[in-house]
N, C-alpha and C. Protein backbone atom coordinates (compact mmCIF):
# COMPACT_ATOMS: atom_id res chain seq x y z
N MET A 1 123.18 28.10 34.18
CA MET A 1 123.31 27.75 35.47
C MET A 1 121.98 27.00 35.93
N LEU A 2 120.97 27.72 35.87
CA LEU A 2 119.79 27.15 36.13
C LEU A 2 119.31 25.90 35.42
N ARG A 3 119.88 25.84 34.40
CA ARG A 3 119.92 24.50 33.39
C ARG A 3 120.27 23.54 34.35
N GLY A 4 121.79 23.45 34.69
CA GLY A 4 122.14 22.62 35.33
C GLY A 4 121.69 22.18 36.70
N LEU A 5 121.05 23.39 37.45
CA LEU A 5 120.62 22.83 38.69
C LEU A 5 119.33 22.06 38.71
N ALA A 6 118.45 22.45 37.73
CA ALA A 6 117.41 21.90 37.47
C ALA A 6 117.84 20.16 36.79
N LYS A 7 118.56 19.94 36.03
CA LYS A 7 119.29 18.58 35.87
C LYS A 7 119.49 17.96 37.14
N GLY A 8 120.26 18.50 37.77
CA GLY A 8 120.68 17.94 38.99
C GLY A 8 119.52 17.82 40.11
N LEU A 9 118.53 18.65 40.27
CA LEU A 9 117.44 18.22 41.28
C LEU A 9 116.54 17.20 40.52
N GLY A 10 116.62 17.24 38.99
CA GLY A 10 115.76 15.70 38.64
C GLY A 10 116.19 14.47 38.41
N GLY A 11 117.69 15.02 38.42
CA GLY A 11 118.13 13.62 38.85
C GLY A 11 118.23 13.13 40.23
N LEU A 12 118.13 13.80 41.31
CA LEU A 12 118.13 13.50 42.47
C LEU A 12 116.45 12.81 42.69
N LEU A 13 115.50 13.71 42.34
CA LEU A 13 114.45 13.17 42.29
C LEU A 13 113.99 11.80 41.79
N LEU A 14 114.72 11.50 40.67
CA LEU A 14 114.63 10.50 39.86
C LEU A 14 115.31 9.24 41.00
N ILE A 15 116.23 9.45 41.23
CA ILE A 15 117.04 8.65 42.42
C ILE A 15 116.40 8.22 43.87
N LEU A 16 115.71 9.32 44.27
CA LEU A 16 114.87 9.12 45.75
C LEU A 16 113.56 8.28 45.34
N ALA A 17 112.82 8.81 43.96
CA ALA A 17 111.85 7.98 43.41
C ALA A 17 112.50 6.28 43.12
N GLY A 18 113.44 6.11 42.79
CA GLY A 18 114.01 4.70 42.83
C GLY A 18 114.02 3.94 44.16
N ILE A 19 114.57 4.80 45.06
CA ILE A 19 114.89 4.28 46.22
C ILE A 19 113.66 4.08 47.12
N GLY A 20 112.68 4.79 46.78
CA GLY A 20 111.02 4.61 47.26
C GLY A 20 110.54 3.39 46.73
N VAL A 21 110.46 3.11 45.54
CA VAL A 21 109.97 1.91 44.67
C VAL A 21 110.95 0.74 45.13
N VAL A 22 111.94 0.51 45.12
CA VAL A 22 112.79 -0.33 46.09
C VAL A 22 112.43 -0.78 47.54
N PHE A 23 112.15 0.31 48.05
CA PHE A 23 111.79 0.17 49.82
C PHE A 23 110.23 -0.42 49.76
N MET A 24 109.66 0.07 48.75
CA MET A 24 108.18 -0.41 49.01
C MET A 24 108.03 -1.95 48.21
N VAL A 25 108.68 -2.25 47.30
CA VAL A 25 109.26 -3.84 46.98
C VAL A 25 109.54 -4.74 47.82
N GLY A 26 110.49 -4.01 48.35
CA GLY A 26 111.18 -4.83 49.63
C GLY A 26 110.12 -4.95 50.89
N MET A 27 109.59 -3.88 51.13
CA MET A 27 108.56 -4.10 52.19
C MET A 27 107.45 -5.05 51.90
N ARG A 28 107.12 -4.97 50.90
CA ARG A 28 105.87 -5.75 50.28
C ARG A 28 106.25 -7.32 50.04
N ALA A 29 107.42 -7.40 50.00
CA ALA A 29 108.11 -8.79 49.60
C ALA A 29 108.67 -9.65 51.09
N LYS A 30 108.73 -8.62 51.95
CA LYS A 30 109.28 -9.03 53.43
C LYS A 30 110.47 -9.50 52.75
N TYR A 31 111.43 -8.61 52.22
CA TYR A 31 112.72 -9.07 51.75
C TYR A 31 113.76 -8.89 53.22
N PRO A 32 113.86 -10.11 53.72
CA PRO A 32 114.72 -9.99 54.95
C PRO A 32 115.75 -9.00 55.46
N PRO A 33 116.49 -9.02 54.38
CA PRO A 33 117.94 -7.93 54.60
C PRO A 33 117.33 -6.38 54.65
N LEU A 34 115.98 -5.90 54.19
CA LEU A 34 115.50 -4.89 54.09
C LEU A 34 114.50 -4.61 55.56
N LEU A 35 114.23 -5.56 55.76
CA LEU A 35 113.13 -5.54 57.12
C LEU A 35 114.20 -5.32 58.30
N ARG A 36 115.26 -6.11 58.21
CA ARG A 36 116.24 -5.93 59.23
C ARG A 36 116.69 -4.34 59.17
N ALA A 37 117.10 -3.88 58.29
CA ALA A 37 117.80 -2.75 58.16
C ALA A 37 116.50 -1.72 58.86
N VAL A 38 115.32 -1.65 58.00
CA VAL A 38 114.16 -0.80 58.62
C VAL A 38 113.91 -0.96 60.34
N ARG A 39 113.99 -2.33 60.70
CA ARG A 39 113.91 -2.71 62.17
C ARG A 39 114.92 -1.65 62.96
N ARG A 40 116.32 -1.95 62.31
CA ARG A 40 117.47 -1.27 63.15
C ARG A 40 117.09 0.11 63.25
N MET A 41 116.86 0.82 62.13
CA MET A 41 116.50 2.20 62.08
C MET A 41 115.49 2.59 62.89
N ASN A 42 114.44 1.97 63.00
CA ASN A 42 113.41 2.34 63.86
C ASN A 42 113.44 2.05 65.13
N ARG A 43 114.49 1.16 65.45
CA ARG A 43 114.93 0.71 67.22
C ARG A 43 115.78 2.19 67.72
N ALA A 44 116.62 2.58 66.56
CA ALA A 44 117.47 3.49 66.86
C ALA A 44 117.23 4.99 66.94
N VAL A 45 116.51 5.21 65.79
CA VAL A 45 116.04 6.60 65.58
C VAL A 45 114.31 6.71 65.71
N MET A 46 113.59 6.19 65.22
CA MET A 46 112.21 6.35 65.06
C MET A 46 111.56 5.87 66.69
N ASN A 47 111.82 5.08 67.22
CA ASN A 47 111.02 4.45 68.36
C ASN A 47 111.59 5.66 69.50
N PRO A 48 112.78 6.01 69.59
CA PRO A 48 112.98 6.85 70.57
C PRO A 48 112.12 8.31 70.38
N GLN A 49 111.86 8.43 69.20
CA GLN A 49 111.24 9.79 69.03
C GLN A 49 109.73 9.68 69.45
N ALA A 50 109.23 8.47 68.95
CA ALA A 50 107.87 7.96 68.99
C ALA A 50 107.18 7.84 70.60
N MET A 51 108.23 7.29 71.28
CA MET A 51 108.01 7.23 72.62
C MET A 51 107.83 8.59 73.56
N LYS A 52 108.28 9.78 73.06
CA LYS A 52 108.07 10.74 73.53
C LYS A 52 106.55 10.99 74.01
N THR A 53 105.80 10.70 72.95
CA THR A 53 104.38 10.94 73.16
C THR A 53 103.51 9.81 73.15
N ALA A 54 104.00 8.46 72.79
CA ALA A 54 103.46 7.46 72.68
C ALA A 54 102.42 7.04 74.30
N GLY A 55 101.30 6.72 73.77
CA GLY A 55 100.76 6.42 74.97
C GLY A 55 99.51 7.42 75.37
N GLN A 56 99.82 8.82 75.18
CA GLN A 56 99.38 9.75 75.58
C GLN A 56 98.05 10.06 74.62
N PRO A 57 97.15 10.78 75.29
CA PRO A 57 95.79 10.97 74.59
C PRO A 57 95.99 11.97 73.36
N GLY A 58 95.52 11.45 72.05
CA GLY A 58 95.91 11.98 70.93
C GLY A 58 97.00 11.61 69.93
N ALA A 59 97.78 10.92 70.61
CA ALA A 59 99.23 10.52 70.31
C ALA A 59 98.97 9.30 69.09
N TYR A 60 99.89 9.30 68.03
CA TYR A 60 99.41 8.12 66.82
C TYR A 60 99.61 7.06 67.57
N ALA A 61 100.67 6.89 68.21
CA ALA A 61 101.17 5.52 68.62
C ALA A 61 100.69 5.24 70.31
N GLY A 62 100.48 3.83 70.49
CA GLY A 62 100.24 3.46 71.88
C GLY A 62 101.80 2.92 72.36
N VAL A 63 101.93 2.11 73.80
CA VAL A 63 103.06 1.54 74.04
C VAL A 63 102.57 0.08 74.48
N VAL A 64 103.56 -0.74 74.04
CA VAL A 64 103.29 -2.05 74.74
C VAL A 64 104.30 -2.02 75.67
N ARG A 65 104.34 -2.74 77.24
CA ARG A 65 105.13 -2.88 78.08
C ARG A 65 105.08 -4.51 78.05
N HIS A 66 106.45 -4.93 77.94
CA HIS A 66 106.75 -6.36 77.80
C HIS A 66 107.97 -6.55 78.79
N VAL A 67 108.11 -7.97 78.92
CA VAL A 67 109.40 -8.44 79.69
C VAL A 67 110.18 -9.05 78.83
N GLY A 68 111.31 -9.11 78.74
CA GLY A 68 112.21 -9.83 77.68
C GLY A 68 112.29 -11.44 78.35
N ARG A 69 112.01 -12.24 77.19
CA ARG A 69 111.62 -13.84 77.61
C ARG A 69 112.91 -14.44 78.16
N ASN A 70 114.12 -13.80 77.74
CA ASN A 70 115.41 -14.54 78.14
C ASN A 70 116.01 -13.60 79.18
N SER A 71 115.91 -12.19 79.40
CA SER A 71 116.38 -11.37 80.27
C SER A 71 115.52 -11.26 81.37
N GLY A 72 114.52 -11.12 81.02
CA GLY A 72 113.78 -10.81 82.26
C GLY A 72 113.70 -9.13 82.36
N THR A 73 114.01 -8.41 81.36
CA THR A 73 114.18 -7.13 81.37
C THR A 73 112.80 -6.38 81.00
N PRO A 74 112.62 -5.37 81.84
CA PRO A 74 111.06 -4.70 81.50
C PRO A 74 111.66 -3.77 79.93
N TYR A 75 110.58 -3.79 78.93
CA TYR A 75 110.67 -2.72 77.75
C TYR A 75 109.27 -2.07 77.63
N GLU A 76 109.76 -0.92 77.12
CA GLU A 76 108.65 -0.56 76.30
C GLU A 76 108.69 -0.07 74.96
N THR A 77 107.99 -0.55 74.17
CA THR A 77 107.86 -0.35 72.53
C THR A 77 106.72 0.43 72.21
N PRO A 78 106.74 1.45 71.04
CA PRO A 78 105.89 2.13 70.58
C PRO A 78 104.91 1.38 69.45
N ILE A 79 103.86 1.11 69.45
CA ILE A 79 102.93 0.07 68.44
C ILE A 79 101.82 0.99 68.26
N GLY A 80 101.05 0.73 67.11
CA GLY A 80 100.05 1.00 66.81
C GLY A 80 98.73 0.25 67.09
N PRO A 81 98.14 0.57 68.28
CA PRO A 81 96.86 -0.47 68.57
C PRO A 81 95.68 0.03 67.90
N PHE A 82 94.70 -0.80 67.49
CA PHE A 82 93.37 -0.45 66.97
C PHE A 82 92.66 -1.09 68.38
N PRO A 83 91.81 -0.19 68.75
CA PRO A 83 90.99 -0.97 69.84
C PRO A 83 89.56 -1.61 69.38
N THR A 84 89.60 -2.60 69.78
CA THR A 84 88.27 -3.45 69.55
C THR A 84 87.27 -3.71 70.88
N ASP A 85 86.40 -4.27 70.67
CA ASP A 85 85.17 -4.89 71.70
C ASP A 85 86.17 -5.55 72.42
N HIS A 86 87.24 -6.33 72.09
CA HIS A 86 87.46 -7.59 73.01
C HIS A 86 88.78 -7.06 73.81
N GLY A 87 89.82 -5.79 72.92
CA GLY A 87 90.81 -5.56 73.45
C GLY A 87 91.67 -4.66 72.29
N PHE A 88 92.72 -5.36 71.85
CA PHE A 88 93.35 -4.17 70.52
C PHE A 88 93.77 -5.31 69.64
N ASP A 89 94.02 -4.66 68.44
CA ASP A 89 94.62 -5.41 67.13
C ASP A 89 95.70 -4.85 66.98
N ILE A 90 96.80 -5.19 66.62
CA ILE A 90 98.08 -4.69 66.51
C ILE A 90 98.40 -4.90 65.14
N ALA A 91 98.73 -4.15 64.06
CA ALA A 91 99.52 -4.55 62.77
C ALA A 91 100.84 -4.90 63.11
N LEU A 92 101.30 -5.82 62.09
CA LEU A 92 102.61 -6.57 62.38
C LEU A 92 103.26 -6.35 61.04
N PRO A 93 103.81 -5.16 60.46
CA PRO A 93 104.32 -4.99 59.11
C PRO A 93 105.81 -5.81 59.04
N TYR A 94 106.17 -6.17 60.19
CA TYR A 94 107.65 -7.31 59.82
C TYR A 94 107.54 -8.54 60.32
N GLY A 95 106.13 -8.81 60.08
CA GLY A 95 105.79 -10.33 60.62
C GLY A 95 106.07 -10.47 61.89
N SER A 96 106.25 -11.90 62.07
CA SER A 96 106.07 -12.40 63.61
C SER A 96 107.74 -12.18 64.12
N SER A 97 108.43 -11.61 63.66
CA SER A 97 110.06 -11.75 63.92
C SER A 97 110.51 -10.53 64.98
N PRO A 98 109.61 -9.51 65.42
CA PRO A 98 110.18 -8.52 66.55
C PRO A 98 110.16 -9.17 67.63
N ASP A 99 111.31 -8.59 68.30
CA ASP A 99 111.52 -9.32 70.05
C ASP A 99 110.09 -8.88 70.43
N TRP A 100 109.66 -8.02 70.62
CA TRP A 100 108.62 -7.31 71.52
C TRP A 100 107.24 -8.56 71.09
N LEU A 101 107.11 -8.80 69.92
CA LEU A 101 105.99 -9.66 69.64
C LEU A 101 106.33 -11.25 70.32
N LYS A 102 107.62 -11.74 70.30
CA LYS A 102 107.95 -12.73 70.80
C LYS A 102 108.04 -12.86 72.10
N ASN A 103 108.31 -11.67 72.81
CA ASN A 103 108.21 -11.59 74.34
C ASN A 103 106.71 -11.32 74.77
N VAL A 104 105.87 -10.86 74.24
CA VAL A 104 104.28 -10.88 74.66
C VAL A 104 103.91 -12.23 74.52
N VAL A 105 104.24 -12.67 73.53
CA VAL A 105 103.83 -14.22 73.16
C VAL A 105 104.22 -15.00 74.29
N ALA A 106 105.46 -15.07 74.58
CA ALA A 106 106.21 -15.98 75.43
C ALA A 106 105.65 -15.91 76.75
N ALA A 107 105.11 -14.56 77.55
CA ALA A 107 104.65 -14.15 78.47
C ALA A 107 103.16 -14.33 78.43
N GLY A 108 102.44 -14.13 77.28
CA GLY A 108 101.22 -14.83 77.52
C GLY A 108 100.13 -13.27 78.14
N SER A 109 101.08 -12.39 78.44
CA SER A 109 100.46 -10.95 78.76
C SER A 109 101.07 -9.79 78.66
N ALA A 110 100.76 -8.62 78.84
CA ALA A 110 101.51 -7.44 78.67
C ALA A 110 100.52 -6.32 78.90
N VAL A 111 101.12 -5.10 79.02
CA VAL A 111 100.42 -4.08 79.55
C VAL A 111 100.33 -2.96 77.99
N ILE A 112 99.32 -2.53 77.67
CA ILE A 112 99.21 -1.62 76.71
C ILE A 112 98.60 -0.26 76.91
N VAL A 113 99.48 0.76 76.84
CA VAL A 113 99.17 2.27 77.02
C VAL A 113 98.34 2.71 75.74
N HIS A 114 97.35 3.11 75.88
CA HIS A 114 96.46 3.88 74.68
C HIS A 114 95.66 5.11 75.25
N GLU A 115 95.74 6.23 74.53
CA GLU A 115 95.09 7.04 74.90
C GLU A 115 95.09 7.77 76.47
N GLY A 116 96.11 7.43 77.09
CA GLY A 116 96.49 7.75 78.17
C GLY A 116 96.01 6.87 79.29
N VAL A 117 95.56 5.72 79.02
CA VAL A 117 94.99 4.74 79.96
C VAL A 117 95.94 3.16 79.62
N ALA A 118 96.24 2.77 81.28
CA ALA A 118 97.18 1.58 80.46
C ALA A 118 96.21 0.58 80.80
N TYR A 119 96.34 -0.62 80.10
CA TYR A 119 95.45 -2.07 80.07
C TYR A 119 96.28 -3.03 80.09
N SER A 120 95.70 -4.03 81.35
CA SER A 120 96.36 -5.42 81.34
C SER A 120 95.76 -6.23 80.06
N VAL A 121 96.37 -6.75 79.14
CA VAL A 121 95.82 -7.83 78.18
C VAL A 121 96.72 -9.01 78.31
N ASP A 122 96.05 -9.83 77.81
CA ASP A 122 96.57 -11.16 77.87
C ASP A 122 95.83 -12.13 76.38
N SER A 123 96.23 -13.43 76.28
CA SER A 123 95.66 -14.09 75.35
C SER A 123 96.14 -13.73 73.95
N PRO A 124 97.34 -13.49 73.97
CA PRO A 124 98.00 -12.54 72.62
C PRO A 124 98.06 -14.01 71.63
N GLU A 125 97.35 -13.67 70.14
CA GLU A 125 97.26 -14.28 69.37
C GLU A 125 97.72 -13.78 67.60
N VAL A 126 98.38 -14.32 66.79
CA VAL A 126 98.70 -13.73 65.57
C VAL A 126 97.74 -14.25 64.74
N ILE A 127 97.23 -13.11 63.68
CA ILE A 127 96.00 -13.54 62.98
C ILE A 127 95.90 -12.92 62.23
N ALA A 128 95.55 -13.65 61.11
CA ALA A 128 95.48 -13.12 59.68
C ALA A 128 94.85 -11.52 59.64
N ALA A 129 95.55 -10.68 58.80
CA ALA A 129 94.80 -9.42 58.46
C ALA A 129 93.31 -9.32 58.40
N ASP A 130 93.03 -10.11 57.25
CA ASP A 130 91.31 -10.12 57.06
C ASP A 130 90.74 -10.16 58.63
N GLU A 131 91.10 -10.87 59.50
CA GLU A 131 90.34 -10.81 60.85
C GLU A 131 90.33 -9.46 61.50
N ALA A 132 91.33 -8.82 61.29
CA ALA A 132 91.30 -7.83 62.12
C ALA A 132 90.96 -6.08 61.40
N MET A 133 90.60 -6.50 59.91
CA MET A 133 90.80 -5.04 59.22
C MET A 133 89.36 -4.38 59.81
N ASP A 134 88.42 -4.88 60.35
CA ASP A 134 87.25 -4.23 61.06
C ASP A 134 87.32 -3.22 61.80
N SER A 135 88.48 -3.52 62.48
CA SER A 135 88.72 -2.75 63.83
C SER A 135 90.11 -1.30 63.26
N VAL A 136 90.36 -1.56 62.24
CA VAL A 136 91.24 -0.18 61.18
C VAL A 136 90.51 0.62 60.57
N PRO A 137 90.69 1.98 60.89
CA PRO A 137 90.15 3.10 59.95
C PRO A 137 90.33 3.08 58.46
N PRO A 138 89.42 3.10 57.64
CA PRO A 138 90.01 3.26 56.07
C PRO A 138 91.08 3.40 55.78
N SER A 139 91.80 4.77 56.16
CA SER A 139 92.75 5.49 56.06
C SER A 139 94.02 4.55 56.27
N GLU A 140 93.99 3.93 57.36
CA GLU A 140 94.73 2.70 58.01
C GLU A 140 95.15 1.96 57.02
N GLN A 141 93.94 1.21 56.83
CA GLN A 141 93.70 0.20 55.89
C GLN A 141 94.45 0.19 54.54
N ARG A 142 94.37 1.37 53.85
CA ARG A 142 95.01 1.55 52.45
C ARG A 142 96.71 1.62 52.78
N SER A 143 97.31 2.15 53.69
CA SER A 143 98.54 1.97 54.21
C SER A 143 98.93 0.59 54.64
N LEU A 144 98.24 -0.22 55.42
CA LEU A 144 98.63 -1.47 55.74
C LEU A 144 98.60 -2.39 54.25
N ARG A 145 97.79 -2.15 53.40
CA ARG A 145 97.57 -2.70 52.40
C ARG A 145 98.74 -2.53 51.51
N ALA A 146 99.20 -1.39 51.14
CA ALA A 146 100.17 -1.04 50.61
C ALA A 146 101.40 -1.77 50.91
N PHE A 147 101.66 -1.70 52.16
CA PHE A 147 102.76 -2.58 52.87
C PHE A 147 102.95 -3.83 52.76
N ALA A 148 101.40 -4.52 52.53
CA ALA A 148 101.24 -5.87 52.44
C ALA A 148 101.20 -6.40 53.69
N VAL A 149 100.71 -5.75 54.70
CA VAL A 149 100.76 -6.32 56.06
C VAL A 149 99.73 -7.46 56.25
N GLY A 150 100.30 -8.76 56.39
CA GLY A 150 99.49 -9.86 56.63
C GLY A 150 98.86 -10.23 57.62
N THR A 151 99.67 -9.80 58.75
CA THR A 151 99.15 -10.47 60.03
C THR A 151 98.76 -9.36 61.27
N PHE A 152 98.39 -9.56 62.28
CA PHE A 152 98.22 -8.87 63.23
C PHE A 152 98.44 -9.75 64.68
N LEU A 153 98.63 -8.83 65.69
CA LEU A 153 98.58 -9.29 67.19
C LEU A 153 97.35 -9.21 67.61
N ARG A 154 96.38 -10.13 68.18
CA ARG A 154 95.13 -9.87 68.76
C ARG A 154 95.31 -10.08 70.27
N VAL A 155 95.06 -9.31 71.28
CA VAL A 155 95.01 -9.49 72.43
C VAL A 155 93.71 -8.94 73.51
N ARG A 156 93.35 -9.88 74.30
CA ARG A 156 92.14 -9.49 74.82
C ARG A 156 92.53 -8.41 76.06
N ARG A 157 91.67 -7.44 76.14
CA ARG A 157 91.88 -6.41 77.46
C ARG A 157 91.22 -7.26 78.72
N VAL A 158 91.94 -7.21 79.84
CA VAL A 158 91.48 -7.95 80.88
C VAL A 158 91.30 -6.97 82.02
N GLY A 159 91.73 -5.70 81.67
CA GLY A 159 91.37 -4.71 82.86
C GLY A 159 92.22 -3.62 82.93
N LEU A 160 92.18 -2.45 83.83
CA LEU A 160 93.06 -1.41 83.92
C LEU A 160 94.35 -1.89 84.54
N TYR A 161 95.39 -1.51 83.83
CA TYR A 161 96.54 -1.96 85.07
C TYR A 161 96.61 -0.86 85.95
N GLU A 162 97.11 -1.57 87.36
CA GLU A 162 96.97 -0.60 88.41
C GLU A 162 98.36 -0.05 88.78
N ALA A 163 99.46 -0.84 88.51
CA ALA A 163 101.10 -0.67 88.88
C ALA A 163 101.28 0.62 88.17
N ASP A 164 102.21 1.52 88.64
CA ASP A 164 102.79 2.59 87.76
C ASP A 164 104.12 2.36 87.59
N GLU A 165 104.43 1.43 86.99
CA GLU A 165 106.11 1.14 86.87
C GLU A 165 106.16 1.41 85.65
N SER A 166 107.66 2.11 85.54
CA SER A 166 108.13 2.35 84.02
C SER A 166 109.24 1.20 83.73
N ALA A 167 109.46 1.39 82.56
CA ALA A 167 110.27 0.06 81.95
C ALA A 167 111.50 0.70 81.78
N SER A 168 112.85 -0.11 81.78
CA SER A 168 113.91 0.59 81.82
C SER A 168 114.63 0.63 80.30
N GLY A 169 113.83 0.25 79.44
CA GLY A 169 114.65 0.14 77.70
C GLY A 169 113.43 0.37 76.87
N THR A 170 114.00 0.64 75.59
CA THR A 170 113.02 0.50 74.55
C THR A 170 113.52 -0.71 73.38
N GLU A 171 112.65 -1.36 73.08
CA GLU A 171 113.05 -2.22 72.05
C GLU A 171 111.99 -1.98 70.90
């Protein structure tokens, strides 16, 4: 019986390892069906969980507050901002396809909440990862390289955000 259990567990581990390899290769290659599936899962499951602490002091994620470019609806989306002297660099693991990115670029501005402080930002610019890596801690650099993250959004901090308005949805 233990032998059968060990075989079953070994088979399960082999299947999980195979899924992990397919996931890593797909993410590195930016395979569109995989990216869409991961983005959908993140939007439905991971983002609502991340938003519980995003932007608070000590939280892993920050928040970008943006407005829908077509709907005008305000949104809040968890992001991983890396502070710089000029503002923030934000890794784009899905490339330039996320709606939040398109919204920020279209508006030319947004609000980023990082470590409990809300900042107004403008001048959004998609840049090569090489230009942003100096703002990224070495441990994060390894992860970003493993997933072949090739672009970042760079925004300029223009001051503290004064209004205390919440967005009505997450994206």
